[in-house]
Amino acid sequence: MATVAQRLQVERLRFPALLPDEQIVFRAWLRLHEKDYDRIDGNVRIGIGQDPGPSFPQSTREMAIQLTQLRIDAVLTRGSEITLAEVKRRAGPANIGQLLTYRAAWVNENRSFAPPKLLLVCNTFTPNILPAIRETGIQLEQVQADFSELVTVGRPGTRSASSQT
């Protein structure tokens, strides 16, 4: 029986920063909206990374810088319009801060002519974020997703799909 990671391999390669449940949410969103965009890039690094210093080998320094940069789940392009997307199973206040930070870094690096739009894709969300969503202009898109493929079937110590409630 294939593991969750094996079953989601295509999504993991295209969007490596997403957790398995986030990959399922984004897959559901893509089924509805992928055709609306010219290009969709995943795991886009932005911002200033932390250099551990010249006492480390150059390859280690480069890796450390990359690992400490911000990582945008997806950058969506339609013509000259850019949208930065964060994908969560359950969206909350921290995701508002992430998107605002991504936009500030994007603008600071002059990555596009106009400031990017912000999109929060989720399956569920805490209602406490709605005022901040309205205030910041972040677009919230809630999608239905089937998480049943996350259930491991037939392994010792796990419940089978038929016993799930």
Protein backbone atom coordinates (compact mmCIF):
# COMPACT_ATOMS: atom_id res chain seq x y z
CA MET A 1 0.00 0.00 0.00
CA ALA A 2 1.38 3.40 -0.96
CA THR A 3 2.12 5.96 1.74
CA VAL A 4 0.47 9.40 1.81
CA ALA A 5 3.74 10.91 0.56
CA GLN A 6 3.83 8.50 -2.37
CA ARG A 7 0.18 9.13 -3.26
CA LEU A 8 0.77 12.89 -3.24
CA GLN A 9 4.13 12.79 -5.03
CA VAL A 10 3.07 14.89 -8.03
CA GLU A 11 1.79 17.67 -5.77
CA ARG A 12 4.87 17.39 -3.53
CA LEU A 13 7.14 17.95 -6.53
CA ARG A 14 5.15 20.91 -7.82
CA PHE A 15 4.45 22.49 -4.42
CA PRO A 16 7.07 21.11 -2.02
CA ALA A 17 6.36 23.59 0.78
CA LEU A 18 2.80 22.35 1.24
CA LEU A 19 1.91 19.75 3.86
CA PRO A 20 -0.20 16.79 2.63
CA ASP A 21 -3.49 18.30 3.82
CA GLU A 22 -2.58 21.64 2.22
CA GLN A 23 -1.79 19.85 -1.04
CA ILE A 24 -5.29 18.39 -1.01
CA VAL A 25 -6.81 21.84 -0.40
CA PHE A 26 -4.73 23.40 -3.17
CA ARG A 27 -5.56 20.57 -5.57
CA ALA A 28 -9.27 21.25 -4.97
CA TRP A 29 -8.70 24.98 -5.57
CA LEU A 30 -6.65 24.32 -8.72
CA ARG A 31 -9.47 22.20 -10.19
CA LEU A 32 -11.65 25.32 -9.98
CA HIS A 33 -9.15 28.06 -10.86
CA GLU A 34 -5.96 26.81 -12.53
CA LYS A 35 -7.25 27.74 -15.99
CA ASP A 36 -7.67 31.36 -14.81
CA TYR A 37 -3.89 31.88 -14.60
CA ASP A 38 -1.08 31.94 -17.14
CA ARG A 39 1.45 30.57 -14.69
CA ILE A 40 1.50 29.09 -11.17
CA ASP A 41 4.82 28.76 -9.35
CA GLY A 42 5.14 27.00 -6.01
CA ASN A 43 7.55 27.40 -3.12
CA VAL A 44 8.82 30.83 -4.19
CA ARG A 45 11.57 32.13 -1.91
CA ILE A 46 11.67 35.83 -1.16
CA GLY A 47 13.21 38.21 1.31
CA ILE A 48 16.51 38.27 3.08
CA GLY A 49 17.92 35.00 4.36
CA GLN A 50 20.39 34.72 7.21
CA ASP A 51 24.02 34.18 6.27
CA PRO A 52 25.86 32.18 8.97
CA GLY A 53 29.09 33.93 8.03
CA PRO A 54 32.37 33.41 6.23
CA SER A 55 33.58 30.70 8.61
CA PHE A 56 31.19 28.28 6.86
CA PRO A 57 31.72 26.76 3.39
CA GLN A 58 30.00 28.70 0.60
CA SER A 59 27.57 25.86 -0.13
CA THR A 60 26.47 25.80 3.54
CA ARG A 61 26.06 29.59 3.52
CA GLU A 62 23.90 29.45 0.40
CA MET A 63 21.75 26.67 1.85
CA ALA A 64 21.32 28.57 5.15
CA ILE A 65 20.28 31.71 3.30
CA GLN A 66 17.71 29.79 1.26
CA LEU A 67 16.31 27.97 4.27
CA THR A 68 15.76 31.20 6.20
CA GLN A 69 14.05 33.11 3.41
CA LEU A 70 10.28 33.48 3.30
CA ARG A 71 8.53 30.83 1.20
CA ILE A 72 5.37 31.73 -0.64
CA ASP A 73 3.10 28.72 -1.22
CA ALA A 74 2.15 29.85 -4.74
CA VAL A 75 2.66 32.84 -7.00
CA LEU A 76 -0.18 33.12 -9.51
CA THR A 77 0.34 35.14 -12.70
CA ARG A 78 -2.36 36.42 -15.04
CA GLY A 79 -0.89 38.80 -17.59
CA SER A 80 1.02 41.37 -15.55
CA GLU A 81 -1.14 40.77 -12.45
CA ILE A 82 0.52 38.86 -9.61
CA THR A 83 -1.26 37.11 -6.72
CA LEU A 84 0.56 35.66 -3.73
CA ALA A 85 -1.28 32.67 -2.27
CA GLU A 86 -1.09 31.01 1.13
CA VAL A 87 -2.76 27.59 1.43
CA LYS A 88 -4.04 26.15 4.70
CA ARG A 89 -6.44 23.46 5.80
CA ARG A 90 -7.64 25.79 8.55
CA ALA A 91 -6.76 29.46 8.09
CA GLY A 92 -6.13 31.65 11.10
CA PRO A 93 -4.60 34.98 12.17
CA ALA A 94 -1.00 33.93 11.50
CA ASN A 95 -1.82 33.49 7.81
CA ILE A 96 -2.91 37.13 7.55
CA GLY A 97 0.50 38.17 8.87
CA GLN A 98 2.27 35.81 6.48
CA LEU A 99 0.53 37.27 3.43
CA LEU A 100 1.13 40.87 4.51
CA THR A 101 4.81 40.07 5.08
CA TYR A 102 5.07 38.40 1.67
CA ARG A 103 3.55 41.45 -0.02
CA ALA A 104 5.93 43.84 1.78
CA ALA A 105 8.96 41.73 0.80
CA TRP A 106 7.70 41.46 -2.80
CA VAL A 107 7.27 45.22 -3.07
CA ASN A 108 10.63 45.84 -1.36
CA GLU A 109 12.34 43.65 -3.97
CA ASN A 110 10.48 45.37 -6.84
CA ARG A 111 9.39 42.01 -8.24
CA SER A 112 6.47 43.43 -10.22
CA PHE A 113 5.24 46.76 -11.49
CA ALA A 114 2.16 46.81 -9.25
CA PRO A 115 1.84 45.45 -5.70
CA PRO A 116 0.57 41.86 -5.74
CA LYS A 117 -2.88 40.76 -4.71
CA LEU A 118 -3.14 38.41 -1.74
CA LEU A 119 -5.11 35.17 -1.62
CA LEU A 120 -5.78 32.85 1.31
CA VAL A 121 -7.01 29.42 0.17
CA CYS A 122 -8.43 27.13 2.84
CA ASN A 123 -10.89 24.40 3.67
CA THR A 124 -12.02 26.04 6.93
CA PHE A 125 -11.13 29.21 8.80
CA THR A 126 -11.56 30.84 12.15
CA PRO A 127 -14.21 33.56 11.84
CA ASN A 128 -12.00 35.93 13.85
CA ILE A 129 -9.96 36.61 10.72
CA LEU A 130 -12.86 38.07 8.72
CA PRO A 131 -12.42 41.70 9.90
CA ALA A 132 -8.70 41.55 9.06
CA ILE A 133 -9.48 39.99 5.68
CA ARG A 134 -11.82 42.88 4.85
CA GLU A 135 -9.42 45.52 6.20
CA THR A 136 -6.37 44.26 4.31
CA GLY A 137 -8.03 43.36 1.02
CA ILE A 138 -6.94 39.73 1.23
CA GLN A 139 -9.15 37.47 -0.85
CA LEU A 140 -10.39 34.44 1.10
CA GLU A 141 -11.37 31.37 -0.91
CA GLN A 142 -12.80 28.41 0.91
CA VAL A 143 -12.87 25.09 -0.95
CA GLN A 144 -14.34 21.71 -0.17
CA ALA A 145 -11.71 19.00 0.04
CA ASP A 146 -11.73 15.27 0.62
CA PHE A 147 -9.06 14.34 3.15
CA SER A 148 -9.86 10.62 3.14
CA GLU A 149 -6.64 9.82 1.27
CA LEU A 150 -4.72 10.90 4.38
CA VAL A 151 -6.09 7.86 6.20
CA THR A 152 -3.62 5.00 6.30
CA VAL A 153 -5.41 1.72 5.66
CA GLY A 154 -4.27 -1.75 6.65
CA ARG A 155 -1.25 -0.85 8.78
CA PRO A 156 -0.89 -2.12 12.34
CA GLY A 157 -2.09 0.42 14.88
CA THR A 158 -4.21 2.38 12.40
CA ARG A 159 -7.91 2.43 11.80
CA SER A 160 -9.21 1.25 8.47
CA ALA A 161 -11.23 3.56 6.27
CA SER A 162 -14.40 1.63 7.11
CA SER A 163 -13.99 2.33 10.83
CA GLN A 164 -13.49 6.09 10.37
CA THR A 165 -16.31 8.31 11.53
